[in-house]
Amino acid sequence: MKSRTALPWIVLGGIVLLSVATVAVLRPLLTRAAPPATAALGDTWMRPADEATMVYVPGGTFTMGSDDARVDFLSAICSEYNRACYTCSPGRSVCHRQWFDDEQPAHQVTLDAFWLDRTEVTNAQYAACVAAGACSLPSETGFYLRSDYFHASDYASHPVLYVSWQQAAGYCEWAGARLPTEAEWEYAAAGPDGLNFPWGDEFDGTRLNFCDDGCWLPGSASAWHDGFEETAPAGGFPAGASWAGALDLAGNAAEWVADCYAADYYVQSPALNPQGPASGDNRVYRGGAWGLQPLYASTRYRSFKPADETNIYVGFRCTRSAYVR
């Protein structure tokens, strides 16, 4: 009997399905695939390696960080909504103005164009990287009282959580991308006009998934109800889109960015394509999350953790520089 060579594909209902082995062979080619050489605001491109949709962010100049007036505004937002304080004396505010010191001084930054994932990386996308042997499992696959979050089919489209900075950076590399810089993230969220939130200057609890009256954690904002007690499917709040069309920059999951953290970095930050401090024990993450108050949804607010630490609030999205011939 003649031996039969396995085909690298299967045709099912007119659709060509590549085998796992074939995908593994083709992945280096897929990750080198580039977006269009020319693009404009509003354009999208699907990254072949993981089928993530990316939005085009034109290069430009914006004011990064907060001036005193913006700090006053954010302090007021904090005082209005952040009522959870475990260490404050009775009658003492949970909010402190010095929380915003690392957002100052406000400074002009110019960035080259780039592509940014429209949504956070999902459980299903990250699971594909794990299956390929390029990523390790999240540190926790459950979710509080939920025995399984990462593997559950009902949560396949929700953002992956409990991944460290190293895991996030590794995934983006596997997918032919990288983590965005802190400046790129803020520019994609705040835009040339330097908005307080991706959609505008005023907080609107209908435009994001955050700790509202459906949130069972302390400090919930009872005036709002977004319909989710925990995470929502990635991209589930289109009304919260940024000027560039990126979704969930304000909520659902906070997001690792590339930069090391330094409280005084804005004092010395270069004006062109800043990359963050050369070294540091902590990495920055940005944006609000399903269990966090409105303050964290600000386009300016900076958070940080050790690069090897994971958290129930923190996920990520990827970026890549615009293609240049």
C-alpha atoms as a PDB file:
ATOM      1  CA  MET A   1       0.000   0.000   0.000  1.00  0.00           C
ATOM      2  CA  LYS A   2       1.295   3.393  -0.907  1.00  0.00           C
ATOM      3  CA  SER A   3       1.965   5.769   1.952  1.00  0.00           C
ATOM      4  CA  ARG A   4      -0.160   8.905   2.013  1.00  0.00           C
ATOM      5  CA  THR A   5       1.398  12.312   2.663  1.00  0.00           C
ATOM      6  CA  ALA A   6      -0.766  14.458   4.943  1.00  0.00           C
ATOM      7  CA  LEU A   7      -1.967  17.631   3.316  1.00  0.00           C
ATOM      8  CA  PRO A   8      -1.051  20.874   5.116  1.00  0.00           C
ATOM      9  CA  TRP A   9      -4.667  21.958   4.915  1.00  0.00           C
ATOM     10  CA  ILE A  10      -8.213  20.681   5.042  1.00  0.00           C
ATOM     11  CA  VAL A  11     -11.036  22.014   2.880  1.00  0.00           C
ATOM     12  CA  LEU A  12     -14.299  22.107   4.791  1.00  0.00           C
ATOM     13  CA  GLY A  13     -17.367  23.620   3.203  1.00  0.00           C
ATOM     14  CA  GLY A  14     -15.222  25.583   0.805  1.00  0.00           C
ATOM     15  CA  ILE A  15     -13.111  27.021   3.647  1.00  0.00           C
ATOM     16  CA  VAL A  16      -9.417  26.183   3.864  1.00  0.00           C
ATOM     17  CA  LEU A  17      -8.394  25.194   7.394  1.00  0.00           C
ATOM     18  CA  LEU A  18      -4.671  25.094   8.056  1.00  0.00           C
ATOM     19  CA  SER A  19      -3.287  22.357  10.265  1.00  0.00           C
ATOM     20  CA  VAL A  20      -1.639  23.227  13.566  1.00  0.00           C
ATOM     21  CA  ALA A  21       1.723  22.129  12.177  1.00  0.00           C
ATOM     22  CA  THR A  22       1.282  24.315   9.107  1.00  0.00           C
ATOM     23  CA  VAL A  23       0.381  27.341  11.226  1.00  0.00           C
ATOM     24  CA  ALA A  24       3.516  26.747  13.302  1.00  0.00           C
ATOM     25  CA  VAL A  25       5.625  26.739  10.143  1.00  0.00           C
ATOM     26  CA  LEU A  26       3.932  29.829   8.725  1.00  0.00           C
ATOM     27  CA  ARG A  27       3.945  31.864  11.947  1.00  0.00           C
ATOM     28  CA  PRO A  28       7.352  33.502  11.301  1.00  0.00           C
ATOM     29  CA  LEU A  29       5.959  34.721   7.981  1.00  0.00           C
ATOM     30  CA  LEU A  30       2.717  35.855   9.596  1.00  0.00           C
ATOM     31  CA  THR A  31       4.475  37.828  12.310  1.00  0.00           C
ATOM     32  CA  ARG A  32       6.548  39.618   9.676  1.00  0.00           C
ATOM     33  CA  ALA A  33       3.448  40.617   7.727  1.00  0.00           C
ATOM     34  CA  ALA A  34       3.150  44.383   7.743  1.00  0.00           C
ATOM     35  CA  PRO A  35       0.180  46.774   7.714  1.00  0.00           C
ATOM     36  CA  PRO A  36      -0.385  49.070   4.713  1.00  0.00           C
ATOM     37  CA  ALA A  37       2.443  51.415   3.838  1.00  0.00           C
ATOM     38  CA  THR A  38       0.038  54.353   3.909  1.00  0.00           C
ATOM     39  CA  ALA A  39      -2.913  54.813   6.242  1.00  0.00           C
ATOM     40  CA  ALA A  40      -5.153  57.471   7.749  1.00  0.00           C
ATOM     41  CA  LEU A  41      -7.142  58.018  10.913  1.00  0.00           C
ATOM     42  CA  GLY A  42     -10.021  55.536  10.959  1.00  0.00           C
ATOM     43  CA  ASP A  43      -8.158  52.791   9.101  1.00  0.00           C
ATOM     44  CA  THR A  44      -7.883  49.316  10.598  1.00  0.00           C
ATOM     45  CA  TRP A  45      -5.687  46.305   9.894  1.00  0.00           C
ATOM     46  CA  MET A  46      -5.960  42.696  11.072  1.00  0.00           C
ATOM     47  CA  ARG A  47      -2.722  41.304  12.463  1.00  0.00           C
ATOM     48  CA  PRO A  48      -2.353  37.873  10.819  1.00  0.00           C
ATOM     49  CA  ALA A  49      -0.628  36.096  13.701  1.00  0.00           C
ATOM     50  CA  ASP A  50      -3.571  36.347  16.135  1.00  0.00           C
ATOM     51  CA  GLU A  51      -6.302  38.051  14.068  1.00  0.00           C
ATOM     52  CA  ALA A  52      -6.295  41.092  16.328  1.00  0.00           C
ATOM     53  CA  THR A  53      -7.768  44.221  14.749  1.00  0.00           C
ATOM     54  CA  MET A  54      -5.461  47.218  15.026  1.00  0.00           C
ATOM     55  CA  VAL A  55      -6.413  50.882  14.590  1.00  0.00           C
ATOM     56  CA  TYR A  56      -4.145  53.442  12.982  1.00  0.00           C
ATOM     57  CA  VAL A  57      -2.950  56.280  15.204  1.00  0.00           C
ATOM     58  CA  PRO A  58      -1.452  59.120  13.128  1.00  0.00           C
ATOM     59  CA  GLY A  59       1.692  60.727  14.392  1.00  0.00           C
ATOM     60  CA  GLY A  60       1.369  64.084  16.102  1.00  0.00           C
ATOM     61  CA  THR A  61       2.066  66.287  19.093  1.00  0.00           C
ATOM     62  CA  PHE A  62       0.082  66.421  22.310  1.00  0.00           C
ATOM     63  CA  THR A  63       0.380  67.557  25.912  1.00  0.00           C
ATOM     64  CA  MET A  64       1.271  64.583  28.072  1.00  0.00           C
ATOM     65  CA  GLY A  65       0.615  64.687  31.805  1.00  0.00           C
ATOM     66  CA  SER A  66      -1.389  67.125  33.925  1.00  0.00           C
ATOM     67  CA  ASP A  67      -1.163  70.818  34.663  1.00  0.00           C
ATOM     68  CA  ASP A  68      -2.436  72.159  38.002  1.00  0.00           C
ATOM     69  CA  ALA A  69      -5.970  72.722  36.706  1.00  0.00           C
ATOM     70  CA  ARG A  70      -6.214  69.129  35.521  1.00  0.00           C
ATOM     71  CA  VAL A  71      -4.856  67.833  38.827  1.00  0.00           C
ATOM     72  CA  ASP A  72      -7.569  69.840  40.603  1.00  0.00           C
ATOM     73  CA  PHE A  73     -10.164  68.210  38.350  1.00  0.00           C
ATOM     74  CA  LEU A  74      -8.840  64.701  38.964  1.00  0.00           C
ATOM     75  CA  SER A  75      -8.645  65.338  42.696  1.00  0.00           C
ATOM     76  CA  ALA A  76     -12.326  66.297  42.634  1.00  0.00           C
ATOM     77  CA  ILE A  77     -13.206  63.131  40.691  1.00  0.00           C
ATOM     78  CA  CYS A  78     -11.288  61.109  43.261  1.00  0.00           C
ATOM     79  CA  SER A  79     -13.069  62.756  46.196  1.00  0.00           C
ATOM     80  CA  GLU A  80     -16.478  62.290  44.588  1.00  0.00           C
ATOM     81  CA  TYR A  81     -16.198  58.578  43.844  1.00  0.00           C
ATOM     82  CA  ASN A  82     -13.336  56.976  45.781  1.00  0.00           C
ATOM     83  CA  ARG A  83     -14.881  56.305  49.152  1.00  0.00           C
ATOM     84  CA  ALA A  84     -13.099  53.064  49.994  1.00  0.00           C
ATOM     85  CA  CYS A  85     -10.405  53.768  52.565  1.00  0.00           C
ATOM     86  CA  TYR A  86      -9.147  51.149  54.967  1.00  0.00           C
ATOM     87  CA  THR A  87      -6.500  53.250  56.736  1.00  0.00           C
ATOM     88  CA  CYS A  88      -8.013  56.748  56.932  1.00  0.00           C
ATOM     89  CA  SER A  89      -9.122  58.260  60.227  1.00  0.00           C
ATOM     90  CA  PRO A  90     -12.855  59.106  60.447  1.00  0.00           C
ATOM     91  CA  GLY A  91     -13.638  62.184  58.388  1.00  0.00           C
ATOM     92  CA  ARG A  92     -10.312  62.121  56.543  1.00  0.00           C
ATOM     93  CA  SER A  93     -10.348  62.002  52.746  1.00  0.00           C
ATOM     94  CA  VAL A  94      -9.115  58.912  50.934  1.00  0.00           C
ATOM     95  CA  CYS A  95      -7.732  61.145  48.163  1.00  0.00           C
ATOM     96  CA  HIS A  96      -4.449  63.009  48.348  1.00  0.00           C
ATOM     97  CA  ARG A  97      -3.224  65.573  45.855  1.00  0.00           C
ATOM     98  CA  GLN A  98       0.253  64.090  45.903  1.00  0.00           C
ATOM     99  CA  TRP A  99      -1.172  61.017  44.177  1.00  0.00           C
ATOM    100  CA  PHE A 100      -0.910  63.064  40.977  1.00  0.00           C
ATOM    101  CA  ASP A 101       2.628  64.357  41.398  1.00  0.00           C
ATOM    102  CA  ASP A 102       3.960  61.800  38.936  1.00  0.00           C
ATOM    103  CA  GLU A 103       1.638  63.203  36.248  1.00  0.00           C
ATOM    104  CA  GLN A 104       3.511  66.491  36.335  1.00  0.00           C
ATOM    105  CA  PRO A 105       4.823  68.554  34.758  1.00  0.00           C
ATOM    106  CA  ALA A 106       2.605  68.622  31.691  1.00  0.00           C
ATOM    107  CA  HIS A 107       4.908  68.537  28.674  1.00  0.00           C
ATOM    108  CA  GLN A 108       4.781  68.434  24.887  1.00  0.00           C
ATOM    109  CA  VAL A 109       5.454  65.071  23.239  1.00  0.00           C
ATOM    110  CA  THR A 110       5.673  64.253  19.541  1.00  0.00           C
ATOM    111  CA  LEU A 111       5.105  60.687  18.364  1.00  0.00           C
ATOM    112  CA  ASP A 112       5.531  58.847  15.106  1.00  0.00           C
ATOM    113  CA  ALA A 113       2.477  57.032  13.736  1.00  0.00           C
ATOM    114  CA  PHE A 114       1.678  53.570  15.066  1.00  0.00           C
ATOM    115  CA  TRP A 115      -0.945  50.836  15.051  1.00  0.00           C
ATOM    116  CA  LEU A 116      -2.687  49.871  18.294  1.00  0.00           C
ATOM    117  CA  ASP A 117      -4.921  46.910  19.128  1.00  0.00           C
ATOM    118  CA  ARG A 118      -8.535  48.054  19.062  1.00  0.00           C
ATOM    119  CA  THR A 119      -9.255  46.000  22.185  1.00  0.00           C
ATOM    120  CA  GLU A 120      -7.400  44.281  24.968  1.00  0.00           C
ATOM    121  CA  VAL A 121      -5.960  40.833  24.260  1.00  0.00           C
ATOM    122  CA  THR A 122      -8.612  38.234  25.063  1.00  0.00           C
ATOM    123  CA  ASN A 123      -8.508  34.904  26.836  1.00  0.00           C
ATOM    124  CA  ALA A 124      -8.953  33.105  23.502  1.00  0.00           C
ATOM    125  CA  GLN A 125      -6.096  34.977  21.849  1.00  0.00           C
ATOM    126  CA  TYR A 126      -3.761  34.397  24.754  1.00  0.00           C
ATOM    127  CA  ALA A 127      -4.787  30.726  24.924  1.00  0.00           C
ATOM    128  CA  ALA A 128      -3.637  30.327  21.306  1.00  0.00           C
ATOM    129  CA  CYS A 129      -0.199  31.562  22.332  1.00  0.00           C
ATOM    130  CA  VAL A 130      -0.170  29.096  25.230  1.00  0.00           C
ATOM    131  CA  ALA A 131      -1.183  26.277  22.876  1.00  0.00           C
ATOM    132  CA  ALA A 132       1.673  27.229  20.560  1.00  0.00           C
ATOM    133  CA  GLY A 133       4.118  26.892  23.447  1.00  0.00           C
ATOM    134  CA  ALA A 134       5.152  30.552  23.248  1.00  0.00           C
ATOM    135  CA  CYS A 135       3.264  31.787  26.336  1.00  0.00           C
ATOM    136  CA  SER A 136       2.803  30.496  29.866  1.00  0.00           C
ATOM    137  CA  LEU A 137      -0.558  30.279  31.600  1.00  0.00           C
ATOM    138  CA  PRO A 138      -1.819  33.233  33.620  1.00  0.00           C
ATOM    139  CA  SER A 139      -0.835  32.935  37.285  1.00  0.00           C
ATOM    140  CA  GLU A 140      -4.509  32.366  38.120  1.00  0.00           C
ATOM    141  CA  THR A 141      -7.051  30.842  35.763  1.00  0.00           C
ATOM    142  CA  GLY A 142     -10.008  31.357  38.106  1.00  0.00           C
ATOM    143  CA  PHE A 143     -11.666  34.586  39.160  1.00  0.00           C
ATOM    144  CA  TYR A 144     -12.522  35.066  42.857  1.00  0.00           C
ATOM    145  CA  LEU A 145     -15.353  32.559  43.440  1.00  0.00           C
ATOM    146  CA  ARG A 146     -15.339  31.479  39.789  1.00  0.00           C
ATOM    147  CA  SER A 147     -13.401  28.238  39.400  1.00  0.00           C
ATOM    148  CA  ASP A 148     -12.428  28.960  35.803  1.00  0.00           C
ATOM    149  CA  TYR A 149     -12.198  32.229  33.918  1.00  0.00           C
ATOM    150  CA  PHE A 150      -9.355  31.732  31.491  1.00  0.00           C
ATOM    151  CA  HIS A 151     -10.508  28.429  29.958  1.00  0.00           C
ATOM    152  CA  ALA A 152     -14.291  28.944  30.157  1.00  0.00           C
ATOM    153  CA  SER A 153     -15.887  29.334  26.735  1.00  0.00           C
ATOM    154  CA  ASP A 154     -18.247  31.982  28.105  1.00  0.00           C
ATOM    155  CA  TYR A 155     -15.230  34.192  28.810  1.00  0.00           C
ATOM    156  CA  ALA A 156     -13.193  33.538  25.668  1.00  0.00           C
ATOM    157  CA  SER A 157     -13.850  37.078  24.413  1.00  0.00           C
ATOM    158  CA  HIS A 158     -13.083  38.725  27.772  1.00  0.00           C
ATOM    159  CA  PRO A 159      -9.683  40.301  28.462  1.00  0.00           C
ATOM    160  CA  VAL A 160      -6.986  38.007  29.781  1.00  0.00           C
ATOM    161  CA  LEU A 161      -5.974  38.852  33.379  1.00  0.00           C
ATOM    162  CA  TYR A 162      -3.326  37.675  35.845  1.00  0.00           C
ATOM    163  CA  VAL A 163      -0.498  38.094  33.345  1.00  0.00           C
ATOM    164  CA  SER A 164       2.805  39.700  34.288  1.00  0.00           C
ATOM    165  CA  TRP A 165       4.573  42.373  32.290  1.00  0.00           C
ATOM    166  CA  GLN A 166       6.966  39.713  30.997  1.00  0.00           C
ATOM    167  CA  GLN A 167       4.076  37.529  29.847  1.00  0.00           C
ATOM    168  CA  ALA A 168       2.392  40.467  28.118  1.00  0.00           C
ATOM    169  CA  ALA A 169       5.596  41.487  26.345  1.00  0.00           C
ATOM    170  CA  GLY A 170       6.193  37.876  25.315  1.00  0.00           C
ATOM    171  CA  TYR A 171       2.729  37.566  23.809  1.00  0.00           C
ATOM    172  CA  CYS A 172       3.119  40.746  21.777  1.00  0.00           C
ATOM    173  CA  GLU A 173       6.465  39.536  20.443  1.00  0.00           C
ATOM    174  CA  TRP A 174       4.881  36.198  19.487  1.00  0.00           C
ATOM    175  CA  ALA A 175       2.142  38.090  17.651  1.00  0.00           C
ATOM    176  CA  GLY A 176       4.614  40.247  15.724  1.00  0.00           C
ATOM    177  CA  ALA A 177       4.057  43.363  17.814  1.00  0.00           C
ATOM    178  CA  ARG A 178       5.195  44.988  21.070  1.00  0.00           C
ATOM    179  CA  LEU A 179       3.768  46.694  24.122  1.00  0.00           C
ATOM    180  CA  PRO A 180       2.917  50.370  23.574  1.00  0.00           C
ATOM    181  CA  THR A 181       5.041  52.993  25.239  1.00  0.00           C
ATOM    182  CA  GLU A 182       3.377  55.004  27.969  1.00  0.00           C
ATOM    183  CA  ALA A 183       3.326  58.023  25.661  1.00  0.00           C
ATOM    184  CA  GLU A 184       1.713  56.044  22.840  1.00  0.00           C
ATOM    185  CA  TRP A 185      -0.943  54.724  25.203  1.00  0.00           C
ATOM    186  CA  GLU A 186      -1.790  58.189  26.532  1.00  0.00           C
ATOM    187  CA  TYR A 187      -1.843  59.718  23.047  1.00  0.00           C
ATOM    188  CA  ALA A 188      -4.189  56.987  21.781  1.00  0.00           C
ATOM    189  CA  ALA A 189      -6.475  57.643  24.757  1.00  0.00           C
ATOM    190  CA  ALA A 190      -6.336  61.439  25.171  1.00  0.00           C
ATOM    191  CA  GLY A 191      -5.623  62.508  21.595  1.00  0.00           C
ATOM    192  CA  PRO A 192      -4.283  65.816  20.293  1.00  0.00           C
ATOM    193  CA  ASP A 193      -6.854  67.680  22.413  1.00  0.00           C
ATOM    194  CA  GLY A 194      -5.633  66.068  25.629  1.00  0.00           C
ATOM    195  CA  LEU A 195      -9.024  64.824  26.855  1.00  0.00           C
ATOM    196  CA  ASN A 196      -9.539  63.687  30.444  1.00  0.00           C
ATOM    197  CA  PHE A 197     -11.241  60.493  29.268  1.00  0.00           C
ATOM    198  CA  PRO A 198     -11.142  58.779  25.874  1.00  0.00           C
ATOM    199  CA  TRP A 199     -14.597  60.129  24.942  1.00  0.00           C
ATOM    200  CA  GLY A 200     -14.302  63.672  26.362  1.00  0.00           C
ATOM    201  CA  ASP A 201     -13.504  65.782  29.394  1.00  0.00           C
ATOM    202  CA  GLU A 202     -16.388  64.712  31.659  1.00  0.00           C
ATOM    203  CA  PHE A 203     -16.795  61.319  33.273  1.00  0.00           C
ATOM    204  CA  ASP A 204     -19.669  59.240  31.877  1.00  0.00           C
ATOM    205  CA  GLY A 205     -20.288  55.886  33.539  1.00  0.00           C
ATOM    206  CA  THR A 206     -22.277  54.562  30.564  1.00  0.00           C
ATOM    207  CA  ARG A 207     -19.141  54.468  28.400  1.00  0.00           C
ATOM    208  CA  LEU A 208     -17.004  51.946  30.276  1.00  0.00           C
ATOM    209  CA  ASN A 209     -16.947  48.900  32.517  1.00  0.00           C
ATOM    210  CA  PHE A 210     -15.883  50.007  36.000  1.00  0.00           C
ATOM    211  CA  CYS A 211     -16.849  49.619  39.658  1.00  0.00           C
ATOM    212  CA  ASP A 212     -20.437  50.902  39.577  1.00  0.00           C
ATOM    213  CA  ASP A 213     -23.525  49.767  41.494  1.00  0.00           C
ATOM    214  CA  GLY A 214     -23.156  46.254  40.103  1.00  0.00           C
ATOM    215  CA  CYS A 215     -19.641  46.001  41.480  1.00  0.00           C
ATOM    216  CA  TRP A 216     -19.462  44.071  44.767  1.00  0.00           C
ATOM    217  CA  LEU A 217     -16.182  45.660  45.815  1.00  0.00           C
ATOM    218  CA  PRO A 218     -15.976  48.599  48.270  1.00  0.00           C
ATOM    219  CA  GLY A 219     -16.106  52.096  46.811  1.00  0.00           C
ATOM    220  CA  SER A 220     -18.572  51.396  43.992  1.00  0.00           C
ATOM    221  CA  ALA A 221     -20.170  54.344  42.171  1.00  0.00           C
ATOM    222  CA  SER A 222     -23.847  53.659  42.829  1.00  0.00           C
ATOM    223  CA  ALA A 223     -25.132  56.267  40.374  1.00  0.00           C
ATOM    224  CA  TRP A 224     -24.155  54.099  37.399  1.00  0.00           C
ATOM    225  CA  HIS A 225     -24.850  50.585  36.165  1.00  0.00           C
ATOM    226  CA  ASP A 226     -22.874  49.144  33.242  1.00  0.00           C
ATOM    227  CA  GLY A 227     -24.469  45.694  33.317  1.00  0.00           C
ATOM    228  CA  PHE A 228     -21.396  43.725  34.394  1.00  0.00           C
ATOM    229  CA  GLU A 229     -20.310  42.668  37.857  1.00  0.00           C
ATOM    230  CA  GLU A 230     -16.851  41.765  36.580  1.00  0.00           C
ATOM    231  CA  THR A 231     -15.192  41.922  33.151  1.00  0.00           C
ATOM    232  CA  ALA A 232     -17.114  42.499  29.931  1.00  0.00           C
ATOM    233  CA  PRO A 233     -16.359  41.128  26.453  1.00  0.00           C
ATOM    234  CA  ALA A 234     -13.506  43.115  24.906  1.00  0.00           C
ATOM    235  CA  GLY A 235     -14.837  46.074  22.933  1.00  0.00           C
ATOM    236  CA  GLY A 236     -18.274  45.937  24.552  1.00  0.00           C
ATOM    237  CA  PHE A 237     -18.503  49.714  25.088  1.00  0.00           C
ATOM    238  CA  PRO A 238     -18.217  51.356  21.642  1.00  0.00           C
ATOM    239  CA  ALA A 239     -19.489  54.675  23.028  1.00  0.00           C
ATOM    240  CA  GLY A 240     -16.255  54.865  25.002  1.00  0.00           C
ATOM    241  CA  ALA A 241     -14.042  54.782  21.899  1.00  0.00           C
ATOM    242  CA  SER A 242     -11.083  57.114  21.763  1.00  0.00           C
ATOM    243  CA  TRP A 243     -10.450  59.558  18.916  1.00  0.00           C
ATOM    244  CA  ALA A 244      -8.424  56.848  17.143  1.00  0.00           C
ATOM    245  CA  GLY A 245     -11.109  54.178  17.543  1.00  0.00           C
ATOM    246  CA  ALA A 246      -9.468  52.211  20.372  1.00  0.00           C
ATOM    247  CA  LEU A 247     -11.936  50.640  22.820  1.00  0.00           C
ATOM    248  CA  ASP A 248     -11.787  49.961  26.576  1.00  0.00           C
ATOM    249  CA  LEU A 249      -8.825  52.242  27.210  1.00  0.00           C
ATOM    250  CA  ALA A 250     -10.753  53.594  30.204  1.00  0.00           C
ATOM    251  CA  GLY A 251     -12.054  50.371  31.731  1.00  0.00           C
ATOM    252  CA  ASN A 252     -12.581  46.603  31.662  1.00  0.00           C
ATOM    253  CA  ALA A 253      -8.896  45.778  32.251  1.00  0.00           C
ATOM    254  CA  ALA A 254      -5.989  48.043  33.067  1.00  0.00           C
ATOM    255  CA  GLU A 255      -3.088  47.556  30.647  1.00  0.00           C
ATOM    256  CA  TRP A 256       0.637  47.023  30.891  1.00  0.00           C
ATOM    257  CA  VAL A 257       2.765  49.394  28.805  1.00  0.00           C
ATOM    258  CA  ALA A 258       6.426  49.069  27.890  1.00  0.00           C
ATOM    259  CA  ASP A 259       7.948  51.693  30.197  1.00  0.00           C
ATOM    260  CA  CYS A 260       9.780  51.298  33.444  1.00  0.00           C
ATOM    261  CA  TYR A 261       8.312  53.568  36.122  1.00  0.00           C
ATOM    262  CA  ALA A 262       9.960  56.627  37.656  1.00  0.00           C
ATOM    263  CA  ALA A 263       7.926  59.210  39.556  1.00  0.00           C
ATOM    264  CA  ASP A 264      10.012  62.088  38.185  1.00  0.00           C
ATOM    265  CA  TYR A 265      10.354  60.873  34.603  1.00  0.00           C
ATOM    266  CA  TYR A 266       8.202  63.671  33.173  1.00  0.00           C
ATOM    267  CA  VAL A 267      10.791  66.202  34.341  1.00  0.00           C
ATOM    268  CA  GLN A 268      13.376  64.713  31.982  1.00  0.00           C
ATOM    269  CA  SER A 269      11.246  63.003  29.336  1.00  0.00           C
ATOM    270  CA  PRO A 270      12.455  63.644  25.778  1.00  0.00           C
ATOM    271  CA  ALA A 271      10.052  65.469  23.513  1.00  0.00           C
ATOM    272  CA  LEU A 272      10.270  62.932  20.652  1.00  0.00           C
ATOM    273  CA  ASN A 273       9.067  59.335  21.028  1.00  0.00           C
ATOM    274  CA  PRO A 274       9.879  58.917  24.744  1.00  0.00           C
ATOM    275  CA  GLN A 275      10.633  55.345  25.776  1.00  0.00           C
ATOM    276  CA  GLY A 276      10.565  55.716  29.560  1.00  0.00           C
ATOM    277  CA  PRO A 277      13.467  55.305  32.008  1.00  0.00           C
ATOM    278  CA  ALA A 278      16.320  53.054  30.951  1.00  0.00           C
ATOM    279  CA  SER A 279      15.815  50.809  33.969  1.00  0.00           C
ATOM    280  CA  GLY A 280      13.656  50.335  37.034  1.00  0.00           C
ATOM    281  CA  ASP A 281      12.140  47.743  39.337  1.00  0.00           C
ATOM    282  CA  ASN A 282       8.548  48.547  38.312  1.00  0.00           C
ATOM    283  CA  ARG A 283       6.626  48.761  35.064  1.00  0.00           C
ATOM    284  CA  VAL A 284       3.762  51.109  34.259  1.00  0.00           C
ATOM    285  CA  TYR A 285       0.202  50.061  33.603  1.00  0.00           C
ATOM    286  CA  ARG A 286      -2.552  52.401  32.477  1.00  0.00           C
ATOM    287  CA  GLY A 287      -6.326  52.726  32.415  1.00  0.00           C
ATOM    288  CA  GLY A 288      -9.204  51.757  34.652  1.00  0.00           C
ATOM    289  CA  ALA A 289     -10.703  48.326  35.195  1.00  0.00           C
ATOM    290  CA  TRP A 290     -13.910  46.489  36.024  1.00  0.00           C
ATOM    291  CA  GLY A 291     -13.304  46.796  39.790  1.00  0.00           C
ATOM    292  CA  LEU A 292     -11.714  50.259  39.941  1.00  0.00           C
ATOM    293  CA  GLN A 293     -13.216  53.704  40.522  1.00  0.00           C
ATOM    294  CA  PRO A 294     -13.538  56.500  37.901  1.00  0.00           C
ATOM    295  CA  LEU A 295     -10.234  58.150  38.807  1.00  0.00           C
ATOM    296  CA  TYR A 296      -8.315  55.238  37.274  1.00  0.00           C
ATOM    297  CA  ALA A 297     -10.175  55.702  33.984  1.00  0.00           C
ATOM    298  CA  SER A 298      -8.451  59.061  33.474  1.00  0.00           C
ATOM    299  CA  THR A 299      -6.176  59.251  30.452  1.00  0.00           C
ATOM    300  CA  ARG A 300      -3.448  60.690  32.726  1.00  0.00           C
ATOM    301  CA  TYR A 301      -3.475  58.451  35.798  1.00  0.00           C
ATOM    302  CA  ARG A 302      -0.296  56.355  36.188  1.00  0.00           C
ATOM    303  CA  SER A 303      -0.061  53.052  38.050  1.00  0.00           C
ATOM    304  CA  PHE A 304       2.851  50.660  38.453  1.00  0.00           C
ATOM    305  CA  LYS A 305       3.780  47.211  39.721  1.00  0.00           C
ATOM    306  CA  PRO A 306       6.823  44.930  39.653  1.00  0.00           C
ATOM    307  CA  ALA A 307       7.221  43.389  36.203  1.00  0.00           C
ATOM    308  CA  ASP A 308       6.745  39.860  37.542  1.00  0.00           C
ATOM    309  CA  GLU A 309       3.557  40.637  39.477  1.00  0.00           C
ATOM    310  CA  THR A 310       0.079  39.721  38.255  1.00  0.00           C
ATOM    311  CA  ASN A 311      -3.285  41.170  39.171  1.00  0.00           C
ATOM    312  CA  ILE A 312      -6.993  40.543  38.737  1.00  0.00           C
ATOM    313  CA  TYR A 313      -7.386  43.997  37.180  1.00  0.00           C
ATOM    314  CA  VAL A 314      -4.474  44.063  34.725  1.00  0.00           C
ATOM    315  CA  GLY A 315      -4.283  42.812  31.135  1.00  0.00           C
ATOM    316  CA  PHE A 316      -2.708  44.372  28.043  1.00  0.00           C
ATOM    317  CA  ARG A 317      -2.912  45.230  24.350  1.00  0.00           C
ATOM    318  CA  CYS A 318      -0.195  45.378  21.681  1.00  0.00           C
ATOM    319  CA  THR A 319       1.090  47.947  19.229  1.00  0.00           C
ATOM    320  CA  ARG A 320       3.537  48.204  16.356  1.00  0.00           C
ATOM    321  CA  SER A 321       5.187  51.109  14.625  1.00  0.00           C
ATOM    322  CA  ALA A 322       3.626  52.202  11.345  1.00  0.00           C
ATOM    323  CA  TYR A 323       5.171  50.447   8.364  1.00  0.00           C
ATOM    324  CA  VAL A 324       7.871  52.447   6.629  1.00  0.00           C
ATOM    325  CA  ARG A 325       9.293  51.287   3.301  1.00  0.00           C
END
